[in-house]
N, C-alpha and C. Protein backbone atom coordinates (compact mmCIF):
# COMPACT_ATOMS: atom_id res chain seq x y z
N UNK A 1 0.79 -1.17 -0.06
CA UNK A 1 0.02 -0.03 0.08
C UNK A 1 0.86 1.30 -0.03
N UNK A 2 1.89 1.20 0.79
CA UNK A 2 2.76 2.33 0.84
C UNK A 2 3.37 2.59 -0.52
N UNK A 3 3.74 1.52 -1.24
CA UNK A 3 4.34 1.72 -2.51
C UNK A 3 3.43 2.36 -3.50
N UNK A 4 2.18 2.06 -3.48
CA UNK A 4 1.23 2.63 -4.47
C UNK A 4 0.90 4.15 -4.18
N UNK A 5 1.16 4.52 -2.86
CA UNK A 5 1.02 5.98 -2.58
C UNK A 5 2.20 6.81 -2.97
N UNK A 6 3.38 6.16 -2.96
CA UNK A 6 4.47 6.92 -3.35
C UNK A 6 4.75 6.99 -4.83
N UNK A 7 4.24 6.06 -5.59
CA UNK A 7 4.45 6.08 -7.06
C UNK A 7 4.05 7.35 -7.79
N UNK A 8 2.86 7.93 -7.51
CA UNK A 8 2.47 9.11 -8.15
C UNK A 8 3.37 10.27 -7.78
N UNK A 9 3.81 10.37 -6.59
CA UNK A 9 4.70 11.40 -6.12
C UNK A 9 6.08 11.29 -6.88
N UNK A 10 6.49 10.04 -6.94
CA UNK A 10 7.75 9.77 -7.59
C UNK A 10 7.69 10.19 -9.09
N UNK A 11 6.56 9.91 -9.71
CA UNK A 11 6.36 10.25 -11.08
C UNK A 11 6.34 11.75 -11.34
N UNK A 12 5.63 12.41 -10.43
CA UNK A 12 5.56 13.89 -10.45
C UNK A 12 6.92 14.55 -10.23
N UNK A 13 7.65 13.88 -9.30
CA UNK A 13 9.02 14.49 -9.03
C UNK A 13 9.96 14.23 -10.13
N UNK A 14 9.82 13.10 -10.81
CA UNK A 14 10.62 12.81 -12.03
C UNK A 14 10.31 13.76 -13.19
N UNK A 15 9.05 14.01 -13.34
CA UNK A 15 8.66 15.02 -14.44
C UNK A 15 9.17 16.38 -14.08
N UNK A 16 9.09 16.80 -12.81
CA UNK A 16 9.57 18.08 -12.41
C UNK A 16 11.09 18.22 -12.63
N UNK A 17 11.84 17.15 -12.28
CA UNK A 17 13.24 17.21 -12.45
C UNK A 17 13.64 17.22 -14.00
N UNK A 18 12.89 16.47 -14.79
CA UNK A 18 13.15 16.57 -16.26
C UNK A 18 12.79 17.89 -16.83
N UNK A 19 11.71 18.50 -16.32
CA UNK A 19 11.36 19.91 -16.80
C UNK A 19 12.40 20.97 -16.40
N UNK A 20 12.91 20.78 -15.16
CA UNK A 20 13.93 21.63 -14.65
C UNK A 20 15.26 21.52 -15.45
N UNK A 21 15.58 20.30 -15.87
CA UNK A 21 16.78 20.11 -16.65
C UNK A 21 16.64 20.74 -18.01
N UNK A 22 15.49 20.52 -18.66
CA UNK A 22 15.15 21.08 -19.93
C UNK A 22 15.16 22.63 -19.85
N UNK A 23 14.53 23.17 -18.81
CA UNK A 23 14.59 24.63 -18.69
C UNK A 23 15.96 25.19 -18.52
N UNK A 24 16.81 24.58 -17.70
CA UNK A 24 18.14 25.07 -17.51
C UNK A 24 18.97 24.94 -18.86
N UNK A 25 18.78 23.82 -19.52
CA UNK A 25 19.48 23.61 -20.83
C UNK A 25 19.15 24.72 -21.82
N UNK A 26 17.82 25.02 -21.92
CA UNK A 26 17.31 26.08 -22.79
C UNK A 26 17.92 27.45 -22.44
N UNK A 27 17.92 27.64 -21.06
CA UNK A 27 18.45 28.92 -20.65
C UNK A 27 19.93 29.13 -21.03
N UNK A 28 20.69 28.04 -20.85
CA UNK A 28 22.06 28.16 -21.24
C UNK A 28 22.29 28.31 -22.70
N UNK A 29 21.46 27.62 -23.51
CA UNK A 29 21.51 27.88 -24.98
C UNK A 29 21.22 29.30 -25.35
N UNK A 30 20.17 29.89 -24.73
CA UNK A 30 19.77 31.23 -25.00
C UNK A 30 20.96 32.21 -24.54
N UNK A 31 21.53 31.95 -23.39
CA UNK A 31 22.61 32.80 -22.96
C UNK A 31 23.80 32.73 -23.90
N UNK A 32 24.14 31.53 -24.34
CA UNK A 32 25.25 31.27 -25.21
C UNK A 32 24.97 32.06 -26.54
N UNK A 33 23.76 31.99 -27.05
CA UNK A 33 23.49 32.74 -28.24
C UNK A 33 23.52 34.22 -28.08
N UNK A 34 23.13 34.64 -26.88
CA UNK A 34 23.25 36.04 -26.57
C UNK A 34 24.76 36.49 -26.55
N UNK A 35 25.61 35.72 -26.06
CA UNK A 35 27.04 36.05 -26.00
C UNK A 35 27.60 36.04 -27.43
N UNK A 36 27.17 35.11 -28.34
CA UNK A 36 27.58 35.11 -29.65
C UNK A 36 27.15 36.35 -30.42
N UNK A 37 25.85 36.78 -30.19
CA UNK A 37 25.31 38.02 -30.81
C UNK A 37 26.17 39.19 -30.36
N UNK A 38 26.46 39.30 -29.10
CA UNK A 38 27.26 40.37 -28.59
C UNK A 38 28.70 40.39 -29.21
N UNK A 39 29.26 39.26 -29.38
CA UNK A 39 30.57 39.22 -30.03
C UNK A 39 30.49 39.68 -31.50
N UNK A 40 29.44 39.25 -32.20
CA UNK A 40 29.28 39.63 -33.60
C UNK A 40 28.98 41.16 -33.62
N UNK A 41 28.25 41.69 -32.76
CA UNK A 41 28.02 43.16 -32.71
C UNK A 41 29.32 43.87 -32.56
N UNK A 42 30.14 43.39 -31.64
CA UNK A 42 31.39 44.03 -31.43
C UNK A 42 32.34 43.95 -32.64
N UNK A 43 32.27 42.77 -33.29
CA UNK A 43 33.07 42.64 -34.47
C UNK A 43 32.64 43.47 -35.55
N UNK A 44 31.33 43.63 -35.80
CA UNK A 44 30.81 44.56 -36.80
C UNK A 44 31.18 46.02 -36.47
N UNK A 45 31.09 46.41 -35.24
CA UNK A 45 31.51 47.75 -34.85
C UNK A 45 32.96 48.05 -35.08
N UNK A 46 33.84 47.01 -34.79
CA UNK A 46 35.19 47.25 -35.04
C UNK A 46 35.55 47.32 -36.53
N UNK A 47 34.81 46.58 -37.31
CA UNK A 47 34.99 46.63 -38.79
C UNK A 47 34.53 47.99 -39.29
N UNK A 48 33.39 48.50 -38.80
CA UNK A 48 32.90 49.75 -39.19
C UNK A 48 33.86 50.85 -38.81
N UNK A 49 34.48 50.77 -37.67
CA UNK A 49 35.44 51.74 -37.23
C UNK A 49 36.71 51.77 -38.09
N UNK A 50 37.21 50.55 -38.38
CA UNK A 50 38.39 50.44 -39.21
C UNK A 50 38.08 50.85 -40.65
N UNK A 51 36.93 50.62 -41.16
CA UNK A 51 36.58 51.01 -42.50
C UNK A 51 36.53 52.58 -42.52
N UNK A 52 35.99 53.17 -41.55
CA UNK A 52 35.95 54.66 -41.55
C UNK A 52 37.37 55.25 -41.46
N UNK A 53 38.18 54.61 -40.63
CA UNK A 53 39.59 55.06 -40.54
C UNK A 53 40.35 54.86 -41.89
N UNK A 54 40.12 53.76 -42.55
CA UNK A 54 40.70 53.51 -43.84
C UNK A 54 40.24 54.48 -44.90
N UNK A 55 38.92 54.82 -44.95
CA UNK A 55 38.43 55.76 -45.86
C UNK A 55 39.00 57.14 -45.55
N UNK A 56 39.18 57.48 -44.35
CA UNK A 56 39.71 58.83 -44.04
C UNK A 56 41.17 58.90 -44.55
N UNK A 57 41.95 57.77 -44.26
CA UNK A 57 43.32 57.83 -44.70
C UNK A 57 43.43 57.86 -46.26
N UNK A 58 42.53 57.05 -46.95
CA UNK A 58 42.56 57.02 -48.35
C UNK A 58 42.22 58.37 -49.04
N UNK A 59 41.19 59.00 -48.44
CA UNK A 59 40.83 60.31 -48.91
C UNK A 59 41.89 61.38 -48.68
N UNK A 60 42.60 61.19 -47.60
CA UNK A 60 43.73 62.15 -47.37
C UNK A 60 44.86 61.88 -48.34
N UNK A 61 45.05 60.65 -48.70
CA UNK A 61 46.18 60.34 -49.71
C UNK A 61 45.77 60.73 -51.12
N UNK A 62 44.44 60.77 -51.37
CA UNK A 62 44.05 61.11 -52.73
C UNK A 62 43.68 62.55 -52.91
N UNK A 63 43.96 63.41 -51.91
CA UNK A 63 43.69 64.84 -52.01
C UNK A 63 44.58 65.44 -53.09
N UNK A 64 44.15 66.42 -53.83
CA UNK A 64 44.97 67.07 -54.88
C UNK A 64 46.28 67.55 -54.31
N UNK A 65 46.30 68.15 -53.19
CA UNK A 65 47.50 68.61 -52.53
C UNK A 65 48.55 67.50 -52.31
N UNK A 66 48.06 66.35 -51.90
CA UNK A 66 49.00 65.24 -51.60
C UNK A 66 49.47 64.70 -52.98
N UNK A 67 48.64 64.65 -53.98
CA UNK A 67 49.08 64.12 -55.28
C UNK A 67 50.14 65.07 -55.93
N UNK A 68 49.91 66.38 -55.77
CA UNK A 68 50.93 67.28 -56.25
C UNK A 68 52.20 67.13 -55.48
N UNK A 69 52.09 66.92 -54.25
CA UNK A 69 53.30 66.80 -53.36
C UNK A 69 54.15 65.51 -53.84
N UNK A 70 53.38 64.47 -54.15
CA UNK A 70 54.06 63.26 -54.59
C UNK A 70 54.65 63.42 -55.94
N UNK A 71 53.89 63.95 -56.86
CA UNK A 71 54.35 64.07 -58.24
C UNK A 71 55.30 65.21 -58.53
N UNK A 72 55.22 66.18 -57.67
CA UNK A 72 56.27 67.25 -57.85
C UNK A 72 55.42 68.52 -58.39
N UNK A 73 56.16 69.63 -58.52
CA UNK A 73 55.55 70.88 -59.04
C UNK A 73 55.15 70.79 -60.50
N UNK A 74 55.86 70.07 -61.30
CA UNK A 74 55.61 70.03 -62.72
C UNK A 74 54.18 69.39 -62.96
N UNK A 75 53.64 68.70 -62.10
CA UNK A 75 52.31 68.07 -62.20
C UNK A 75 51.23 69.15 -62.11
N UNK A 76 51.53 70.23 -61.49
CA UNK A 76 50.51 71.26 -61.24
C UNK A 76 49.87 71.76 -62.64
N UNK A 77 50.60 71.73 -63.71
CA UNK A 77 50.06 72.20 -64.96
C UNK A 77 49.06 71.21 -65.54
N UNK A 78 48.97 70.05 -65.02
CA UNK A 78 48.00 69.02 -65.54
C UNK A 78 46.77 69.00 -64.71
N UNK A 79 46.78 69.62 -63.57
CA UNK A 79 45.63 69.56 -62.71
C UNK A 79 44.83 70.83 -62.95
N UNK A 80 43.52 70.68 -63.18
CA UNK A 80 42.63 71.85 -63.44
C UNK A 80 42.39 72.54 -62.13
N UNK A 81 42.26 73.87 -62.15
CA UNK A 81 41.84 74.58 -60.96
C UNK A 81 40.42 74.20 -60.54
N UNK A 82 40.12 74.30 -59.21
CA UNK A 82 38.84 73.82 -58.75
C UNK A 82 37.63 74.58 -59.49
N UNK A 83 37.76 75.85 -59.86
CA UNK A 83 36.56 76.57 -60.44
C UNK A 83 36.27 75.98 -61.86
N UNK A 84 37.28 75.52 -62.55
CA UNK A 84 37.06 74.93 -63.85
C UNK A 84 36.35 73.60 -63.78
N UNK A 85 36.79 72.79 -62.79
CA UNK A 85 36.10 71.53 -62.69
C UNK A 85 34.72 71.66 -62.17
N UNK A 86 34.40 72.70 -61.32
CA UNK A 86 33.05 73.01 -60.88
C UNK A 86 32.16 73.36 -62.05
N UNK A 87 32.69 74.21 -63.01
CA UNK A 87 31.93 74.57 -64.20
C UNK A 87 31.63 73.37 -65.11
N UNK A 88 32.61 72.47 -65.22
CA UNK A 88 32.47 71.27 -66.02
C UNK A 88 31.31 70.39 -65.39
N UNK A 89 31.34 70.26 -64.11
CA UNK A 89 30.40 69.38 -63.43
C UNK A 89 29.04 69.93 -63.53
N UNK A 90 28.89 71.23 -63.48
CA UNK A 90 27.48 71.84 -63.52
C UNK A 90 26.81 71.88 -64.86
N UNK A 91 27.63 71.76 -65.91
CA UNK A 91 26.98 71.70 -67.28
C UNK A 91 26.40 70.42 -67.60
N UNK A 92 25.22 70.34 -68.24
CA UNK A 92 24.65 69.03 -68.63
C UNK A 92 25.47 68.47 -69.78
N UNK A 93 25.53 67.17 -69.85
CA UNK A 93 26.27 66.44 -70.87
C UNK A 93 25.29 65.80 -71.73
N UNK A 94 25.41 66.05 -73.06
CA UNK A 94 24.55 65.47 -74.08
C UNK A 94 25.20 64.22 -74.62
N UNK A 95 24.39 63.22 -74.78
CA UNK A 95 24.93 61.99 -75.39
C UNK A 95 24.79 62.06 -76.88
N UNK A 96 25.73 61.48 -77.61
CA UNK A 96 25.57 61.53 -79.06
C UNK A 96 24.50 60.56 -79.50
N UNK A 97 23.65 61.02 -80.41
CA UNK A 97 22.55 60.17 -80.82
C UNK A 97 22.98 59.35 -81.99
N UNK A 98 22.45 58.20 -82.14
CA UNK A 98 22.83 57.33 -83.29
C UNK A 98 22.05 57.63 -84.51
């Protein structure tokens, strides 16, 4: 008789233990995924920062003053003054018709 009274309690206890194990396992999986997402966000941010730094350095290297400094003074006759290039850019360009 004693055995039949304890059987339902043991079954309920076993179910509760199994549910607790599943809950803790899911919690650890969610936490692990959260850490992975945080790592990816940090990686994306570092790439964004390095891309911005590289663009800044490249634009500094490609400035007309830097190009003239590298090529020398004789290259200044090949570079158009800024006002001429502004006029060229503001005029509409017509495409040749066939």
